[in-house]
Amino acid sequence: MEPARFEYGSQVRVIRNVRNDGTFPGTNTGELLIRRGSTGVVRDIGTFLQDQVIYTVHFIDEDRLVGCRDKELIAIDAPWTPSRFEFSDKVLARIPLGINGEIVANPGDEGEIFKVMRDADTVAKNGGIAYHVRFPGRTLMVPETALEEATPVEPVSEDVEPL
């Protein structure tokens, strides 16, 4: 197990959406607890299964104490570039996407975010955040500007009888 990177009172930023894994009282499993980019203060340091450091972070704006894994946190003064999408979000291609001139995703094709790439080199090279997006049969590195949110469509039931 790695030693703790943060101390009591350290100001931190969460880099992933934190959802209830079933251990947060008063909310449903899977419910969003803290949105990525939120900042807080370390209030306690512990371990889970003797191999993971867990920080209890007080997110002041949300007034919540939430347990966060080390890999979910960065120092508040560390470089941070907010992104539109997060791991496992469904997205649509806005433009044709291809490899070596072969189109592998057409506008409107749905993909899933596999990885968010917000490091300085990627941002500089792509003019912003890029993502590894899994389209059927291929994973592509795609700039944020080439994607849009996939909004689920409510199915229309055809067996509804008029009143």
N, C-alpha and C. Protein backbone atom coordinates (compact mmCIF):
# COMPACT_ATOMS: atom_id res chain seq x y z
N MET A 1 0.85 -1.18 0.00
CA MET A 1 0.00 0.00 0.00
C MET A 1 0.89 1.24 0.00
N GLU A 2 0.53 2.20 -0.85
CA GLU A 2 1.26 3.46 -0.92
C GLU A 2 0.95 4.30 0.32
N PRO A 3 1.91 5.12 0.75
CA PRO A 3 1.63 6.01 1.88
C PRO A 3 0.63 7.10 1.47
N ALA A 4 -0.04 7.68 2.45
CA ALA A 4 -1.01 8.74 2.18
C ALA A 4 -0.31 9.94 1.54
N ARG A 5 -0.92 10.49 0.49
CA ARG A 5 -0.36 11.67 -0.18
C ARG A 5 -0.80 12.96 0.47
N PHE A 6 -1.95 12.92 1.14
CA PHE A 6 -2.51 14.13 1.73
C PHE A 6 -2.54 14.00 3.24
N GLU A 7 -2.54 15.13 3.93
CA GLU A 7 -2.58 15.16 5.39
C GLU A 7 -3.92 15.74 5.83
N TYR A 8 -4.19 15.65 7.13
CA TYR A 8 -5.37 16.28 7.70
C TYR A 8 -5.34 17.77 7.36
N GLY A 9 -6.44 18.30 6.90
CA GLY A 9 -6.51 19.71 6.56
C GLY A 9 -6.10 20.05 5.14
N SER A 10 -5.57 19.07 4.38
CA SER A 10 -5.19 19.33 2.99
C SER A 10 -6.43 19.68 2.16
N GLN A 11 -6.28 20.66 1.27
CA GLN A 11 -7.37 20.99 0.36
C GLN A 11 -7.17 20.17 -0.91
N VAL A 12 -8.25 19.51 -1.34
CA VAL A 12 -8.17 18.58 -2.47
C VAL A 12 -9.31 18.83 -3.45
N ARG A 13 -9.14 18.26 -4.65
CA ARG A 13 -10.17 18.30 -5.69
C ARG A 13 -10.45 16.86 -6.10
N VAL A 14 -11.72 16.51 -6.26
CA VAL A 14 -12.08 15.17 -6.73
C VAL A 14 -12.11 15.20 -8.25
N ILE A 15 -11.46 14.20 -8.87
CA ILE A 15 -11.32 14.21 -10.33
C ILE A 15 -12.29 13.28 -11.05
N ARG A 16 -13.12 12.59 -10.29
CA ARG A 16 -14.14 11.70 -10.86
C ARG A 16 -15.45 11.96 -10.15
N ASN A 17 -16.55 11.72 -10.82
CA ASN A 17 -17.83 11.74 -10.12
C ASN A 17 -17.81 10.65 -9.07
N VAL A 18 -18.27 10.97 -7.87
CA VAL A 18 -18.31 9.98 -6.79
C VAL A 18 -19.78 9.61 -6.56
N ARG A 19 -20.05 8.33 -6.70
CA ARG A 19 -21.41 7.81 -6.52
C ARG A 19 -21.46 6.92 -5.29
N ASN A 20 -22.66 6.78 -4.74
CA ASN A 20 -22.83 5.94 -3.57
C ASN A 20 -22.62 4.47 -3.94
N ASP A 21 -21.66 3.85 -3.28
CA ASP A 21 -21.39 2.43 -3.52
C ASP A 21 -22.19 1.54 -2.57
N GLY A 22 -23.14 2.16 -1.88
CA GLY A 22 -23.97 1.42 -0.93
C GLY A 22 -23.57 1.67 0.51
N THR A 23 -22.51 2.43 0.72
CA THR A 23 -22.03 2.70 2.08
C THR A 23 -22.39 4.09 2.59
N PHE A 24 -23.00 4.92 1.74
CA PHE A 24 -23.37 6.27 2.16
C PHE A 24 -24.83 6.27 2.59
N PRO A 25 -25.10 6.57 3.85
CA PRO A 25 -26.47 6.48 4.36
C PRO A 25 -27.40 7.56 3.78
N GLY A 26 -28.64 7.18 3.62
CA GLY A 26 -29.67 8.13 3.21
C GLY A 26 -29.77 8.40 1.72
N THR A 27 -28.98 7.71 0.90
CA THR A 27 -29.07 7.85 -0.55
C THR A 27 -29.06 6.48 -1.19
N ASN A 28 -29.57 6.41 -2.39
CA ASN A 28 -29.63 5.15 -3.10
C ASN A 28 -28.26 4.78 -3.67
N THR A 29 -28.02 3.49 -3.79
CA THR A 29 -26.79 3.03 -4.43
C THR A 29 -26.76 3.55 -5.86
N GLY A 30 -25.62 4.08 -6.27
CA GLY A 30 -25.45 4.63 -7.60
C GLY A 30 -25.76 6.12 -7.70
N GLU A 31 -26.35 6.68 -6.67
CA GLU A 31 -26.69 8.11 -6.69
C GLU A 31 -25.42 8.97 -6.63
N LEU A 32 -25.42 10.04 -7.41
CA LEU A 32 -24.28 10.96 -7.44
C LEU A 32 -24.16 11.67 -6.09
N LEU A 33 -22.97 11.55 -5.49
CA LEU A 33 -22.70 12.23 -4.21
C LEU A 33 -21.94 13.54 -4.42
N ILE A 34 -20.89 13.48 -5.23
CA ILE A 34 -20.03 14.64 -5.47
C ILE A 34 -19.63 14.66 -6.94
N ARG A 35 -19.79 15.81 -7.58
CA ARG A 35 -19.44 15.96 -8.99
C ARG A 35 -17.95 16.23 -9.14
N ARG A 36 -17.35 15.64 -10.19
CA ARG A 36 -15.93 15.86 -10.46
C ARG A 36 -15.63 17.35 -10.51
N GLY A 37 -14.45 17.71 -9.99
CA GLY A 37 -14.05 19.11 -9.94
C GLY A 37 -14.37 19.78 -8.62
N SER A 38 -15.23 19.16 -7.81
CA SER A 38 -15.57 19.74 -6.50
C SER A 38 -14.35 19.71 -5.59
N THR A 39 -14.29 20.68 -4.69
CA THR A 39 -13.15 20.78 -3.78
C THR A 39 -13.60 20.59 -2.35
N GLY A 40 -12.66 20.13 -1.52
CA GLY A 40 -12.96 19.90 -0.11
C GLY A 40 -11.69 19.85 0.72
N VAL A 41 -11.88 19.49 1.98
CA VAL A 41 -10.79 19.45 2.95
C VAL A 41 -10.73 18.06 3.56
N VAL A 42 -9.52 17.46 3.64
CA VAL A 42 -9.34 16.14 4.24
C VAL A 42 -9.61 16.25 5.74
N ARG A 43 -10.54 15.43 6.23
CA ARG A 43 -10.90 15.43 7.65
C ARG A 43 -10.42 14.17 8.38
N ASP A 44 -10.16 13.09 7.64
CA ASP A 44 -9.71 11.85 8.27
C ASP A 44 -9.00 11.01 7.20
N ILE A 45 -8.12 10.13 7.66
CA ILE A 45 -7.39 9.23 6.76
C ILE A 45 -7.50 7.83 7.33
N GLY A 46 -7.89 6.88 6.50
CA GLY A 46 -8.01 5.50 6.94
C GLY A 46 -7.61 4.55 5.82
N THR A 47 -7.93 3.28 6.01
CA THR A 47 -7.64 2.28 4.99
C THR A 47 -8.88 1.43 4.75
N PHE A 48 -8.88 0.78 3.59
CA PHE A 48 -9.92 -0.17 3.24
C PHE A 48 -9.22 -1.45 2.81
N LEU A 49 -9.59 -2.56 3.42
CA LEU A 49 -9.01 -3.87 3.13
C LEU A 49 -7.48 -3.87 3.23
N GLN A 50 -6.96 -3.00 4.04
CA GLN A 50 -5.53 -2.88 4.32
C GLN A 50 -4.67 -2.64 3.08
N ASP A 51 -5.30 -2.24 1.96
CA ASP A 51 -4.48 -1.98 0.78
C ASP A 51 -4.86 -0.70 0.04
N GLN A 52 -5.84 0.03 0.55
CA GLN A 52 -6.25 1.28 -0.09
C GLN A 52 -6.35 2.38 0.95
N VAL A 53 -5.76 3.53 0.65
CA VAL A 53 -5.92 4.69 1.52
C VAL A 53 -7.26 5.34 1.18
N ILE A 54 -8.04 5.62 2.20
CA ILE A 54 -9.33 6.29 2.04
C ILE A 54 -9.30 7.59 2.83
N TYR A 55 -9.65 8.68 2.17
CA TYR A 55 -9.70 9.98 2.81
C TYR A 55 -11.16 10.36 3.05
N THR A 56 -11.49 10.80 4.25
CA THR A 56 -12.79 11.39 4.48
C THR A 56 -12.63 12.87 4.15
N VAL A 57 -13.37 13.32 3.14
CA VAL A 57 -13.24 14.69 2.65
C VAL A 57 -14.54 15.43 2.93
N HIS A 58 -14.40 16.62 3.52
CA HIS A 58 -15.57 17.48 3.72
C HIS A 58 -15.69 18.40 2.51
N PHE A 59 -16.70 18.16 1.70
CA PHE A 59 -17.00 19.01 0.55
C PHE A 59 -17.92 20.10 1.06
N ILE A 60 -17.36 21.27 1.27
CA ILE A 60 -18.05 22.35 1.98
C ILE A 60 -19.26 22.86 1.21
N ASP A 61 -19.13 23.06 -0.11
CA ASP A 61 -20.26 23.58 -0.89
C ASP A 61 -21.47 22.65 -0.82
N GLU A 62 -21.22 21.34 -0.78
CA GLU A 62 -22.31 20.35 -0.72
C GLU A 62 -22.63 19.99 0.73
N ASP A 63 -21.79 20.42 1.66
CA ASP A 63 -21.86 20.07 3.08
C ASP A 63 -22.00 18.56 3.27
N ARG A 64 -21.05 17.83 2.65
CA ARG A 64 -21.03 16.37 2.73
C ARG A 64 -19.65 15.88 3.11
N LEU A 65 -19.62 14.86 3.97
CA LEU A 65 -18.40 14.12 4.27
C LEU A 65 -18.45 12.84 3.46
N VAL A 66 -17.47 12.66 2.55
CA VAL A 66 -17.48 11.52 1.64
C VAL A 66 -16.13 10.84 1.65
N GLY A 67 -16.12 9.52 1.69
CA GLY A 67 -14.88 8.76 1.59
C GLY A 67 -14.42 8.70 0.15
N CYS A 68 -13.15 9.07 -0.08
CA CYS A 68 -12.59 9.08 -1.44
C CYS A 68 -11.30 8.28 -1.48
N ARG A 69 -11.12 7.53 -2.55
CA ARG A 69 -9.87 6.81 -2.76
C ARG A 69 -8.79 7.79 -3.21
N ASP A 70 -7.55 7.42 -2.96
CA ASP A 70 -6.42 8.26 -3.31
C ASP A 70 -6.44 8.66 -4.79
N LYS A 71 -6.75 7.69 -5.67
CA LYS A 71 -6.70 7.97 -7.10
C LYS A 71 -7.83 8.89 -7.56
N GLU A 72 -8.78 9.19 -6.70
CA GLU A 72 -9.87 10.09 -7.05
C GLU A 72 -9.57 11.54 -6.71
N LEU A 73 -8.42 11.79 -6.06
CA LEU A 73 -8.12 13.13 -5.56
C LEU A 73 -6.82 13.68 -6.12
N ILE A 74 -6.78 15.00 -6.27
CA ILE A 74 -5.54 15.73 -6.55
C ILE A 74 -5.50 16.92 -5.60
N ALA A 75 -4.31 17.48 -5.42
CA ALA A 75 -4.17 18.68 -4.61
C ALA A 75 -4.95 19.82 -5.27
N ILE A 76 -5.48 20.69 -4.45
CA ILE A 76 -6.32 21.77 -4.99
C ILE A 76 -5.55 22.68 -5.94
N ASP A 77 -4.23 22.79 -5.75
CA ASP A 77 -3.44 23.66 -6.62
C ASP A 77 -2.83 22.92 -7.81
N ALA A 78 -3.13 21.64 -7.96
CA ALA A 78 -2.65 20.88 -9.12
C ALA A 78 -3.42 21.33 -10.36
N PRO A 79 -2.78 21.26 -11.53
CA PRO A 79 -3.49 21.66 -12.75
C PRO A 79 -4.78 20.85 -12.93
N TRP A 80 -5.84 21.52 -13.29
CA TRP A 80 -7.14 20.87 -13.48
C TRP A 80 -7.83 21.49 -14.68
N THR A 81 -8.23 20.66 -15.60
CA THR A 81 -8.99 21.11 -16.76
C THR A 81 -10.34 20.42 -16.72
N PRO A 82 -11.42 21.17 -16.52
CA PRO A 82 -12.74 20.53 -16.48
C PRO A 82 -13.10 19.92 -17.84
N SER A 83 -13.89 18.87 -17.81
CA SER A 83 -14.30 18.20 -19.04
C SER A 83 -15.82 18.08 -19.09
N ARG A 84 -16.35 17.97 -20.31
CA ARG A 84 -17.80 17.81 -20.48
C ARG A 84 -18.26 16.40 -20.14
N PHE A 85 -17.38 15.42 -20.42
CA PHE A 85 -17.77 14.03 -20.28
C PHE A 85 -16.88 13.32 -19.27
N GLU A 86 -17.34 12.18 -18.81
CA GLU A 86 -16.63 11.39 -17.81
C GLU A 86 -16.68 9.92 -18.23
N PHE A 87 -15.82 9.12 -17.62
CA PHE A 87 -15.78 7.68 -17.88
C PHE A 87 -17.19 7.10 -17.89
N SER A 88 -17.49 6.30 -18.88
CA SER A 88 -18.73 5.56 -19.10
C SER A 88 -19.89 6.41 -19.62
N ASP A 89 -19.69 7.72 -19.83
CA ASP A 89 -20.74 8.54 -20.44
C ASP A 89 -20.95 8.09 -21.89
N LYS A 90 -22.20 8.13 -22.32
CA LYS A 90 -22.54 7.84 -23.71
C LYS A 90 -22.47 9.15 -24.49
N VAL A 91 -21.83 9.08 -25.67
CA VAL A 91 -21.66 10.25 -26.52
C VAL A 91 -21.99 9.91 -27.96
N LEU A 92 -22.18 10.96 -28.76
CA LEU A 92 -22.41 10.81 -30.19
C LEU A 92 -21.31 11.53 -30.95
N ALA A 93 -20.90 10.96 -32.08
CA ALA A 93 -19.95 11.64 -32.96
C ALA A 93 -20.68 12.81 -33.61
N ARG A 94 -20.05 14.00 -33.60
CA ARG A 94 -20.62 15.18 -34.26
C ARG A 94 -20.20 15.26 -35.72
N ILE A 95 -19.04 14.65 -36.02
CA ILE A 95 -18.45 14.70 -37.36
C ILE A 95 -17.99 13.29 -37.73
N PRO A 96 -17.71 13.03 -39.01
CA PRO A 96 -17.15 11.72 -39.36
C PRO A 96 -15.78 11.55 -38.69
N LEU A 97 -15.54 10.38 -38.11
CA LEU A 97 -14.27 10.08 -37.45
C LEU A 97 -13.62 8.92 -38.16
N GLY A 98 -12.32 9.04 -38.43
CA GLY A 98 -11.67 8.00 -39.19
C GLY A 98 -10.24 7.74 -38.80
N ILE A 99 -9.71 6.67 -39.36
CA ILE A 99 -8.32 6.27 -39.18
C ILE A 99 -7.74 6.06 -40.58
N ASN A 100 -6.67 6.78 -40.89
CA ASN A 100 -6.01 6.68 -42.20
C ASN A 100 -6.99 6.82 -43.36
N GLY A 101 -7.91 7.77 -43.25
CA GLY A 101 -8.86 8.02 -44.33
C GLY A 101 -10.08 7.13 -44.35
N GLU A 102 -10.12 6.11 -43.50
CA GLU A 102 -11.28 5.21 -43.43
C GLU A 102 -12.23 5.69 -42.33
N ILE A 103 -13.47 6.01 -42.70
CA ILE A 103 -14.46 6.46 -41.72
C ILE A 103 -14.89 5.26 -40.89
N VAL A 104 -14.74 5.40 -39.55
CA VAL A 104 -15.13 4.30 -38.65
C VAL A 104 -16.28 4.70 -37.74
N ALA A 105 -16.61 5.99 -37.70
CA ALA A 105 -17.77 6.46 -36.93
C ALA A 105 -18.37 7.64 -37.69
N ASN A 106 -19.64 7.55 -38.00
CA ASN A 106 -20.35 8.61 -38.71
C ASN A 106 -21.05 9.53 -37.72
N PRO A 107 -21.39 10.75 -38.14
CA PRO A 107 -22.14 11.63 -37.25
C PRO A 107 -23.39 10.92 -36.73
N GLY A 108 -23.60 11.02 -35.42
CA GLY A 108 -24.75 10.37 -34.80
C GLY A 108 -24.46 9.00 -34.25
N ASP A 109 -23.32 8.39 -34.63
CA ASP A 109 -22.96 7.08 -34.07
C ASP A 109 -22.66 7.23 -32.59
N GLU A 110 -23.16 6.27 -31.81
CA GLU A 110 -22.98 6.33 -30.35
C GLU A 110 -21.72 5.60 -29.93
N GLY A 111 -21.03 6.19 -28.97
CA GLY A 111 -19.85 5.59 -28.36
C GLY A 111 -19.90 5.77 -26.86
N GLU A 112 -18.93 5.19 -26.18
CA GLU A 112 -18.86 5.30 -24.73
C GLU A 112 -17.45 5.76 -24.33
N ILE A 113 -17.40 6.72 -23.42
CA ILE A 113 -16.12 7.25 -22.95
C ILE A 113 -15.41 6.15 -22.17
N PHE A 114 -14.20 5.87 -22.60
CA PHE A 114 -13.37 4.85 -21.96
C PHE A 114 -12.31 5.49 -21.07
N LYS A 115 -11.82 6.67 -21.49
CA LYS A 115 -10.79 7.37 -20.72
C LYS A 115 -10.84 8.86 -21.04
N VAL A 116 -10.68 9.69 -20.00
CA VAL A 116 -10.59 11.14 -20.17
C VAL A 116 -9.12 11.51 -20.17
N MET A 117 -8.70 12.24 -21.19
CA MET A 117 -7.29 12.62 -21.31
C MET A 117 -7.18 14.14 -21.17
N ARG A 118 -6.84 14.58 -19.95
CA ARG A 118 -6.78 16.02 -19.69
C ARG A 118 -5.38 16.47 -19.31
N ASP A 119 -4.37 15.61 -19.52
CA ASP A 119 -3.00 16.01 -19.20
C ASP A 119 -2.57 17.14 -20.13
N ALA A 120 -1.59 17.91 -19.71
CA ALA A 120 -1.16 19.10 -20.43
C ALA A 120 -0.74 18.80 -21.87
N ASP A 121 -0.01 17.71 -22.10
CA ASP A 121 0.44 17.37 -23.45
C ASP A 121 -0.74 17.10 -24.38
N THR A 122 -1.72 16.33 -23.90
CA THR A 122 -2.90 16.01 -24.71
C THR A 122 -3.70 17.27 -25.01
N VAL A 123 -3.90 18.12 -23.99
CA VAL A 123 -4.66 19.35 -24.17
C VAL A 123 -3.97 20.25 -25.19
N ALA A 124 -2.63 20.37 -25.09
CA ALA A 124 -1.88 21.21 -26.03
C ALA A 124 -1.95 20.66 -27.45
N LYS A 125 -1.81 19.35 -27.60
CA LYS A 125 -1.80 18.72 -28.92
C LYS A 125 -3.17 18.80 -29.60
N ASN A 126 -4.25 18.64 -28.83
CA ASN A 126 -5.59 18.58 -29.39
C ASN A 126 -6.37 19.88 -29.26
N GLY A 127 -5.76 20.89 -28.65
CA GLY A 127 -6.48 22.14 -28.46
C GLY A 127 -7.56 22.02 -27.40
N GLY A 128 -7.44 21.04 -26.55
CA GLY A 128 -8.42 20.82 -25.48
C GLY A 128 -8.41 19.37 -25.06
N ILE A 129 -9.36 19.01 -24.25
CA ILE A 129 -9.46 17.65 -23.72
C ILE A 129 -9.77 16.68 -24.85
N ALA A 130 -9.25 15.47 -24.70
CA ALA A 130 -9.56 14.40 -25.64
C ALA A 130 -10.02 13.18 -24.84
N TYR A 131 -10.63 12.25 -25.53
CA TYR A 131 -11.18 11.06 -24.88
C TYR A 131 -10.82 9.83 -25.69
N HIS A 132 -10.67 8.72 -25.01
CA HIS A 132 -10.69 7.43 -25.69
C HIS A 132 -12.16 7.04 -25.70
N VAL A 133 -12.71 6.88 -26.89
CA VAL A 133 -14.13 6.57 -27.04
C VAL A 133 -14.25 5.23 -27.75
N ARG A 134 -15.04 4.35 -27.17
CA ARG A 134 -15.28 3.03 -27.77
C ARG A 134 -16.53 3.11 -28.63
N PHE A 135 -16.30 3.05 -29.95
CA PHE A 135 -17.40 2.92 -30.90
C PHE A 135 -17.46 1.44 -31.26
N PRO A 136 -18.57 0.96 -31.78
CA PRO A 136 -18.64 -0.47 -32.11
C PRO A 136 -17.44 -0.89 -32.98
N GLY A 137 -16.64 -1.79 -32.43
CA GLY A 137 -15.51 -2.35 -33.17
C GLY A 137 -14.22 -1.56 -33.09
N ARG A 138 -14.23 -0.34 -32.56
CA ARG A 138 -13.02 0.49 -32.53
C ARG A 138 -13.00 1.40 -31.32
N THR A 139 -11.81 1.67 -30.82
CA THR A 139 -11.60 2.70 -29.82
C THR A 139 -10.78 3.80 -30.47
N LEU A 140 -11.27 5.03 -30.39
CA LEU A 140 -10.63 6.17 -31.02
C LEU A 140 -10.28 7.23 -29.98
N MET A 141 -9.20 7.98 -30.22
CA MET A 141 -8.91 9.16 -29.42
C MET A 141 -9.60 10.32 -30.14
N VAL A 142 -10.54 10.97 -29.43
CA VAL A 142 -11.40 11.97 -30.06
C VAL A 142 -11.36 13.26 -29.26
N PRO A 143 -11.16 14.41 -29.93
CA PRO A 143 -11.22 15.68 -29.20
C PRO A 143 -12.65 15.98 -28.74
N GLU A 144 -12.75 16.69 -27.64
CA GLU A 144 -14.05 17.00 -27.05
C GLU A 144 -14.98 17.71 -28.04
N THR A 145 -14.41 18.55 -28.89
CA THR A 145 -15.22 19.31 -29.85
C THR A 145 -15.91 18.43 -30.89
N ALA A 146 -15.46 17.19 -31.05
CA ALA A 146 -16.05 16.29 -32.05
C ALA A 146 -17.15 15.41 -31.46
N LEU A 147 -17.51 15.66 -30.19
CA LEU A 147 -18.51 14.82 -29.51
C LEU A 147 -19.66 15.66 -28.98
N GLU A 148 -20.79 15.02 -28.84
CA GLU A 148 -21.93 15.64 -28.16
C GLU A 148 -22.58 14.59 -27.25
N GLU A 149 -23.35 15.07 -26.32
CA GLU A 149 -23.99 14.19 -25.35
C GLU A 149 -25.06 13.35 -26.02
N ALA A 150 -25.08 12.08 -25.68
CA ALA A 150 -26.14 11.19 -26.16
C ALA A 150 -27.26 11.26 -25.13
N THR A 151 -28.40 11.72 -25.56
CA THR A 151 -29.52 11.83 -24.63
C THR A 151 -30.44 10.65 -24.85
N PRO A 152 -30.73 9.92 -23.77
CA PRO A 152 -31.63 8.78 -23.93
C PRO A 152 -33.03 9.23 -24.35
N VAL A 153 -33.59 8.50 -25.26
CA VAL A 153 -34.94 8.80 -25.74
C VAL A 153 -35.92 7.87 -25.03
N GLU A 154 -36.97 8.46 -24.48
CA GLU A 154 -38.00 7.65 -23.82
C GLU A 154 -38.75 6.85 -24.88
N PRO A 155 -38.84 5.53 -24.68
CA PRO A 155 -39.57 4.73 -25.66
C PRO A 155 -41.06 5.08 -25.66
N VAL A 156 -41.64 5.08 -26.83
CA VAL A 156 -43.06 5.35 -26.96
C VAL A 156 -43.79 4.04 -27.03
N SER A 157 -44.72 3.84 -26.14
CA SER A 157 -45.50 2.60 -26.12
C SER A 157 -46.61 2.69 -27.15
N GLU A 158 -46.68 1.69 -28.01
CA GLU A 158 -47.71 1.71 -29.04
C GLU A 158 -49.00 1.05 -28.59
N ASP A 159 -49.00 0.37 -27.42
CA ASP A 159 -50.21 -0.29 -26.98
C ASP A 159 -50.97 0.53 -25.95
N VAL A 160 -50.76 1.85 -25.95
CA VAL A 160 -51.52 2.71 -25.04
C VAL A 160 -52.83 3.04 -25.73
N GLU A 161 -53.90 2.75 -25.04
CA GLU A 161 -55.21 3.03 -25.62
C GLU A 161 -55.67 4.43 -25.24
N PRO A 162 -56.33 5.12 -26.16
CA PRO A 162 -56.83 6.46 -25.84
C PRO A 162 -57.88 6.40 -24.75
N LEU A 163 -57.98 7.47 -23.99
CA LEU A 163 -58.99 7.56 -22.91
C LEU A 163 -60.34 7.88 -23.44
